[in-house]
Every structure is written in structure tokens, then in C-alpha cells.
């Protein structure tokens, strides 16, 4: 039986040993490192893609493809996948799977755990593919910022910023981080 090059390539992609997680398991990578890799590398070549644009299984295939195409090392690929999966799923679920109680996180820990710096520069550190949050309170009032963090699609239904499912108290802790970095 002859198979086409495209079929062979798809077979390689679907059976590749990138070591992605099984559905329902936490990703085997570090989403915080993945956010940084995504910001430093992926965002330079691709228009910002929202995690919800694809299902987790699709992202694992895309990351596998990019591992081959861009020569991503395995751990870096797993970290980027973990960031995409964490952004694509309600963070409380991801944190629970990782054994972390979301309510126990401080504001700075939430900024790190949710990968905010993967896209935004906060306090001089982080990504450049989303607005720099230095001086954000000069551009927007606090109510607008709180809404953007808690329900990003209210201001822009097409935004790629994920809805993190944050409580009012969690939003307050993140807003305090933003105030502290101004």
C-alpha cells in the first residue's frame, strides 16, 4: 500500500513523542516558562492566536508541527503547550490538577501562574504582543481594567485574551499588582 507524503507527515505528527498529556491530565510542561517562550518566539512570526481558537488536542498537534518546523526542543514545546492548554481551560481546573488551590495564590503568584506576562509587559518584564500595562491606569479607569481582567470579551468580543474565570477577590489581587508596578 502506498501512502502520500502528506499522509506520512500526518502520521508522524499524530504519533510523535512530544509527550503531551492525556486529556484530563495536567500538561507536562511549565505554563509560566511556556508563556515566556510564546511571547519571545511564537508571537514574532504569528499573529496573536487565541488559545480557544483550537481545542487542546489541536494545540498538541500544532506544537508538534512547530517542534519539527521551528526546531523547538522537547521541553520548550511542552512548556508552550502547557501555556496554551492553561489559557484554553479554566485556570482553577488547571491549578487543581496541579495541586494548587487558586484561592491560596497571591496577586503576584496569579500573574505568574496564569501566564499574564506571556503577552503583557508588567513592571518592565514580560511579553510585547499585548498592551504594556505600565501606565494602564492613566489610559483606563479601574472599573474598565477590572472588567477586562474578569470578562475580556465584554470590551472586545474578538479578543484573544482568555477568560480566566477569576473571582472578584482574585481580580482585586491582580489589580493591586498592576497598581504596585506603576
C-alpha atoms as a PDB file:
ATOM      1  CA  UNK A   1       0.000   0.000   0.000  1.00  0.00           C
ATOM      2  CA  UNK A   2       1.378   3.428  -0.963  1.00  0.00           C
ATOM      3  CA  UNK A   3       0.791   6.425   1.235  1.00  0.00           C
ATOM      4  CA  UNK A   4       1.224  10.015   0.207  1.00  0.00           C
ATOM      5  CA  UNK A   5       3.842  12.281   1.705  1.00  0.00           C
ATOM      6  CA  UNK A   6       1.040  14.295   3.365  1.00  0.00           C
ATOM      7  CA  UNK A   7      -0.380  11.126   4.950  1.00  0.00           C
ATOM      8  CA  UNK A   8       3.069  10.115   6.161  1.00  0.00           C
ATOM      9  CA  UNK A   9       3.616  13.582   7.610  1.00  0.00           C
ATOM     10  CA  UNK A  10       0.272  13.453   9.424  1.00  0.00           C
ATOM     11  CA  UNK A  11       1.177  10.024  10.771  1.00  0.00           C
ATOM     12  CA  UNK A  12       4.438  11.454  12.130  1.00  0.00           C
ATOM     13  CA  UNK A  13       2.564  14.365  13.688  1.00  0.00           C
ATOM     14  CA  UNK A  14      -0.080  12.241  15.348  1.00  0.00           C
ATOM     15  CA  UNK A  15       2.345   9.643  16.668  1.00  0.00           C
ATOM     16  CA  UNK A  16       5.187  11.967  17.594  1.00  0.00           C
ATOM     17  CA  UNK A  17       6.546  11.601  21.095  1.00  0.00           C
ATOM     18  CA  UNK A  18       6.310  15.212  22.164  1.00  0.00           C
ATOM     19  CA  UNK A  19       4.990  13.813  25.446  1.00  0.00           C
ATOM     20  CA  UNK A  20       1.801  15.825  25.557  1.00  0.00           C
ATOM     21  CA  UNK A  21      -0.600  14.942  28.316  1.00  0.00           C
ATOM     22  CA  UNK A  22      -3.620  12.694  28.036  1.00  0.00           C
ATOM     23  CA  UNK A  23      -6.974  14.502  28.223  1.00  0.00           C
ATOM     24  CA  UNK A  24      -7.820  15.388  31.821  1.00  0.00           C
ATOM     25  CA  UNK A  25      -4.202  15.287  32.974  1.00  0.00           C
ATOM     26  CA  UNK A  26      -2.175  18.411  33.716  1.00  0.00           C
ATOM     27  CA  UNK A  27       0.254  19.354  30.936  1.00  0.00           C
ATOM     28  CA  UNK A  28       3.766  18.025  31.463  1.00  0.00           C
ATOM     29  CA  UNK A  29       5.299  21.453  30.838  1.00  0.00           C
ATOM     30  CA  UNK A  30       5.564  24.678  32.805  1.00  0.00           C
ATOM     31  CA  UNK A  31       2.954  27.206  31.634  1.00  0.00           C
ATOM     32  CA  UNK A  32       4.917  30.159  33.067  1.00  0.00           C
ATOM     33  CA  UNK A  33       8.004  29.283  31.030  1.00  0.00           C
ATOM     34  CA  UNK A  34       5.723  28.494  28.086  1.00  0.00           C
ATOM     35  CA  UNK A  35       4.183  31.978  28.304  1.00  0.00           C
ATOM     36  CA  UNK A  36       7.651  33.488  28.061  1.00  0.00           C
ATOM     37  CA  UNK A  37       8.640  31.278  25.135  1.00  0.00           C
ATOM     38  CA  UNK A  38       5.356  32.099  23.419  1.00  0.00           C
ATOM     39  CA  UNK A  39       5.896  35.812  23.879  1.00  0.00           C
ATOM     40  CA  UNK A  40       9.570  35.768  22.915  1.00  0.00           C
ATOM     41  CA  UNK A  41       9.259  33.439  19.930  1.00  0.00           C
ATOM     42  CA  UNK A  42       5.818  32.465  18.628  1.00  0.00           C
ATOM     43  CA  UNK A  43       4.374  35.981  18.697  1.00  0.00           C
ATOM     44  CA  UNK A  44       7.156  37.276  16.445  1.00  0.00           C
ATOM     45  CA  UNK A  45       6.098  35.128  13.482  1.00  0.00           C
ATOM     46  CA  UNK A  46       2.401  34.566  14.061  1.00  0.00           C
ATOM     47  CA  UNK A  47      -0.405  36.967  14.609  1.00  0.00           C
ATOM     48  CA  UNK A  48      -1.552  36.501  18.163  1.00  0.00           C
ATOM     49  CA  UNK A  49      -3.773  33.419  18.227  1.00  0.00           C
ATOM     50  CA  UNK A  50      -6.244  32.907  20.987  1.00  0.00           C
ATOM     51  CA  UNK A  51      -5.973  29.606  22.830  1.00  0.00           C
ATOM     52  CA  UNK A  52      -9.671  28.958  22.290  1.00  0.00           C
ATOM     53  CA  UNK A  53      -9.139  29.104  18.523  1.00  0.00           C
ATOM     54  CA  UNK A  54      -8.214  25.420  18.761  1.00  0.00           C
ATOM     55  CA  UNK A  55      -9.018  22.535  21.094  1.00  0.00           C
ATOM     56  CA  UNK A  56      -6.256  21.200  23.360  1.00  0.00           C
ATOM     57  CA  UNK A  57      -5.752  18.210  21.069  1.00  0.00           C
ATOM     58  CA  UNK A  58      -5.333  20.577  18.109  1.00  0.00           C
ATOM     59  CA  UNK A  59      -2.755  22.624  20.000  1.00  0.00           C
ATOM     60  CA  UNK A  60      -0.766  19.474  20.753  1.00  0.00           C
ATOM     61  CA  UNK A  61      -0.617  18.717  17.015  1.00  0.00           C
ATOM     62  CA  UNK A  62       0.245  22.333  16.182  1.00  0.00           C
ATOM     63  CA  UNK A  63       3.018  22.389  18.792  1.00  0.00           C
ATOM     64  CA  UNK A  64       4.329  19.082  17.461  1.00  0.00           C
ATOM     65  CA  UNK A  65       4.357  20.567  13.965  1.00  0.00           C
ATOM     66  CA  UNK A  66       6.212  23.635  15.243  1.00  0.00           C
ATOM     67  CA  UNK A  67       8.663  21.394  17.048  1.00  0.00           C
ATOM     68  CA  UNK A  68       9.564  19.905  13.665  1.00  0.00           C
ATOM     69  CA  UNK A  69       9.314  23.123  11.635  1.00  0.00           C
ATOM     70  CA  UNK A  70      10.972  25.530  14.071  1.00  0.00           C
ATOM     71  CA  UNK A  71      13.236  23.007  15.765  1.00  0.00           C
ATOM     72  CA  UNK A  72      11.726  23.543  19.219  1.00  0.00           C
ATOM     73  CA  UNK A  73      13.407  21.429  21.896  1.00  0.00           C
ATOM     74  CA  UNK A  74      11.023  18.956  23.557  1.00  0.00           C
ATOM     75  CA  UNK A  75      10.777  20.705  26.915  1.00  0.00           C
ATOM     76  CA  UNK A  76      10.195  24.074  25.276  1.00  0.00           C
ATOM     77  CA  UNK A  77       7.416  22.540  23.162  1.00  0.00           C
ATOM     78  CA  UNK A  78       5.818  21.007  26.283  1.00  0.00           C
ATOM     79  CA  UNK A  79       6.045  24.340  28.097  1.00  0.00           C
ATOM     80  CA  UNK A  80       4.385  26.226  25.225  1.00  0.00           C
ATOM     81  CA  UNK A  81       1.681  23.560  25.059  1.00  0.00           C
ATOM     82  CA  UNK A  82       1.147  23.851  28.826  1.00  0.00           C
ATOM     83  CA  UNK A  83       0.701  27.619  28.426  1.00  0.00           C
ATOM     84  CA  UNK A  84      -1.789  27.167  25.576  1.00  0.00           C
ATOM     85  CA  UNK A  85      -3.704  24.472  27.486  1.00  0.00           C
ATOM     86  CA  UNK A  86      -3.747  26.548  30.682  1.00  0.00           C
ATOM     87  CA  UNK A  87      -5.008  29.541  28.710  1.00  0.00           C
ATOM     88  CA  UNK A  88      -7.610  27.412  26.962  1.00  0.00           C
ATOM     89  CA  UNK A  89      -9.053  25.851  30.113  1.00  0.00           C
ATOM     90  CA  UNK A  90     -10.445  27.422  33.241  1.00  0.00           C
ATOM     91  CA  UNK A  91      -7.350  28.103  35.375  1.00  0.00           C
ATOM     92  CA  UNK A  92      -8.980  26.792  38.564  1.00  0.00           C
ATOM     93  CA  UNK A  93      -9.197  23.380  36.871  1.00  0.00           C
ATOM     94  CA  UNK A  94      -5.553  23.505  35.720  1.00  0.00           C
ATOM     95  CA  UNK A  95      -4.421  24.653  39.157  1.00  0.00           C
ATOM     96  CA  UNK A  96      -6.493  21.963  40.863  1.00  0.00           C
ATOM     97  CA  UNK A  97      -4.926  19.312  38.624  1.00  0.00           C
ATOM     98  CA  UNK A  98      -1.512  20.669  39.580  1.00  0.00           C
ATOM     99  CA  UNK A  99      -2.444  20.512  43.293  1.00  0.00           C
ATOM    100  CA  UNK A 100      -2.664  24.308  43.738  1.00  0.00           C
ATOM    101  CA  UNK A 101      -5.652  25.971  45.422  1.00  0.00           C
ATOM    102  CA  UNK A 102      -6.474  29.081  43.307  1.00  0.00           C
ATOM    103  CA  UNK A 103      -7.736  30.968  46.348  1.00  0.00           C
ATOM    104  CA  UNK A 104      -4.367  30.463  48.053  1.00  0.00           C
ATOM    105  CA  UNK A 105      -2.423  32.350  45.379  1.00  0.00           C
ATOM    106  CA  UNK A 106      -1.285  35.921  45.965  1.00  0.00           C
ATOM    107  CA  UNK A 107      -1.649  38.558  43.251  1.00  0.00           C
ATOM    108  CA  UNK A 108       1.960  38.172  42.035  1.00  0.00           C
ATOM    109  CA  UNK A 109       1.569  34.378  42.041  1.00  0.00           C
ATOM    110  CA  UNK A 110      -1.614  34.653  39.958  1.00  0.00           C
ATOM    111  CA  UNK A 111       0.144  36.914  37.446  1.00  0.00           C
ATOM    112  CA  UNK A 112       2.846  34.253  37.145  1.00  0.00           C
ATOM    113  CA  UNK A 113       0.645  31.144  37.284  1.00  0.00           C
ATOM    114  CA  UNK A 114      -1.853  32.438  34.734  1.00  0.00           C
ATOM    115  CA  UNK A 115       0.946  33.495  32.374  1.00  0.00           C
ATOM    116  CA  UNK A 116      -0.092  37.164  32.150  1.00  0.00           C
ATOM    117  CA  UNK A 117       3.470  38.164  31.256  1.00  0.00           C
ATOM    118  CA  UNK A 118       3.354  35.808  28.302  1.00  0.00           C
ATOM    119  CA  UNK A 119       1.525  38.556  26.437  1.00  0.00           C
ATOM    120  CA  UNK A 120       1.723  41.705  28.603  1.00  0.00           C
ATOM    121  CA  UNK A 121       4.693  43.592  29.963  1.00  0.00           C
ATOM    122  CA  UNK A 122       4.054  44.126  33.672  1.00  0.00           C
ATOM    123  CA  UNK A 123       6.530  46.065  35.774  1.00  0.00           C
ATOM    124  CA  UNK A 124       9.051  46.105  32.935  1.00  0.00           C
ATOM    125  CA  UNK A 125       9.004  42.315  32.442  1.00  0.00           C
ATOM    126  CA  UNK A 126       7.076  40.202  30.005  1.00  0.00           C
ATOM    127  CA  UNK A 127       5.673  39.981  26.529  1.00  0.00           C
ATOM    128  CA  UNK A 128       5.173  42.521  23.830  1.00  0.00           C
ATOM    129  CA  UNK A 129       2.275  41.038  21.885  1.00  0.00           C
ATOM    130  CA  UNK A 130      -0.424  42.607  24.088  1.00  0.00           C
ATOM    131  CA  UNK A 131      -0.594  46.070  25.628  1.00  0.00           C
ATOM    132  CA  UNK A 132       2.182  47.066  28.013  1.00  0.00           C
ATOM    133  CA  UNK A 133       0.458  47.543  31.355  1.00  0.00           C
ATOM    134  CA  UNK A 134       2.875  50.248  32.527  1.00  0.00           C
ATOM    135  CA  UNK A 135       0.720  53.348  32.988  1.00  0.00           C
ATOM    136  CA  UNK A 136      -2.506  51.448  32.329  1.00  0.00           C
ATOM    137  CA  UNK A 137      -4.338  53.479  34.996  1.00  0.00           C
ATOM    138  CA  UNK A 138      -3.510  56.642  33.043  1.00  0.00           C
ATOM    139  CA  UNK A 139      -5.221  55.181  29.971  1.00  0.00           C
ATOM    140  CA  UNK A 140      -8.158  53.351  31.571  1.00  0.00           C
ATOM    141  CA  UNK A 141     -10.138  53.646  34.780  1.00  0.00           C
ATOM    142  CA  UNK A 142     -10.037  50.865  37.351  1.00  0.00           C
ATOM    143  CA  UNK A 143     -13.560  49.618  36.587  1.00  0.00           C
ATOM    144  CA  UNK A 144     -12.605  49.130  32.911  1.00  0.00           C
ATOM    145  CA  UNK A 145      -9.430  47.258  33.928  1.00  0.00           C
ATOM    146  CA  UNK A 146     -11.325  45.035  36.372  1.00  0.00           C
ATOM    147  CA  UNK A 147     -13.889  44.169  33.667  1.00  0.00           C
ATOM    148  CA  UNK A 148     -11.114  43.468  31.166  1.00  0.00           C
ATOM    149  CA  UNK A 149      -9.418  41.054  33.560  1.00  0.00           C
ATOM    150  CA  UNK A 150     -12.625  39.293  34.627  1.00  0.00           C
ATOM    151  CA  UNK A 151     -14.566  39.318  31.345  1.00  0.00           C
ATOM    152  CA  UNK A 152     -12.285  40.347  28.469  1.00  0.00           C
ATOM    153  CA  UNK A 153     -14.904  39.740  25.771  1.00  0.00           C
ATOM    154  CA  UNK A 154     -17.175  42.433  27.189  1.00  0.00           C
ATOM    155  CA  UNK A 155     -14.994  45.146  25.663  1.00  0.00           C
ATOM    156  CA  UNK A 156     -13.991  43.220  22.547  1.00  0.00           C
ATOM    157  CA  UNK A 157     -15.806  40.010  21.574  1.00  0.00           C
ATOM    158  CA  UNK A 158     -12.887  39.081  19.269  1.00  0.00           C
ATOM    159  CA  UNK A 159     -10.140  39.438  21.884  1.00  0.00           C
ATOM    160  CA  UNK A 160      -7.710  36.576  22.286  1.00  0.00           C
ATOM    161  CA  UNK A 161      -7.314  37.289  25.987  1.00  0.00           C
ATOM    162  CA  UNK A 162      -8.660  34.223  27.777  1.00  0.00           C
ATOM    163  CA  UNK A 163     -11.462  34.387  30.312  1.00  0.00           C
ATOM    164  CA  UNK A 164      -9.664  33.064  33.367  1.00  0.00           C
ATOM    165  CA  UNK A 165     -12.780  32.535  35.469  1.00  0.00           C
ATOM    166  CA  UNK A 166     -11.453  34.794  38.222  1.00  0.00           C
ATOM    167  CA  UNK A 167     -13.401  35.783  41.308  1.00  0.00           C
ATOM    168  CA  UNK A 168     -13.781  39.417  42.386  1.00  0.00           C
ATOM    169  CA  UNK A 169     -11.132  38.872  45.083  1.00  0.00           C
ATOM    170  CA  UNK A 170      -8.678  37.419  42.559  1.00  0.00           C
ATOM    171  CA  UNK A 171      -9.234  40.367  40.220  1.00  0.00           C
ATOM    172  CA  UNK A 172      -8.619  42.728  43.143  1.00  0.00           C
ATOM    173  CA  UNK A 173      -5.304  40.981  43.888  1.00  0.00           C
ATOM    174  CA  UNK A 174      -4.212  41.299  40.238  1.00  0.00           C
ATOM    175  CA  UNK A 175      -5.289  44.969  40.109  1.00  0.00           C
ATOM    176  CA  UNK A 176      -3.161  45.569  43.234  1.00  0.00           C
ATOM    177  CA  UNK A 177      -0.172  44.074  41.374  1.00  0.00           C
ATOM    178  CA  UNK A 178      -0.807  46.450  38.485  1.00  0.00           C
ATOM    179  CA  UNK A 179      -1.034  49.418  40.876  1.00  0.00           C
ATOM    180  CA  UNK A 180       2.244  48.368  42.526  1.00  0.00           C
ATOM    181  CA  UNK A 181       4.064  48.278  39.173  1.00  0.00           C
ATOM    182  CA  UNK A 182       3.017  51.772  38.019  1.00  0.00           C
END
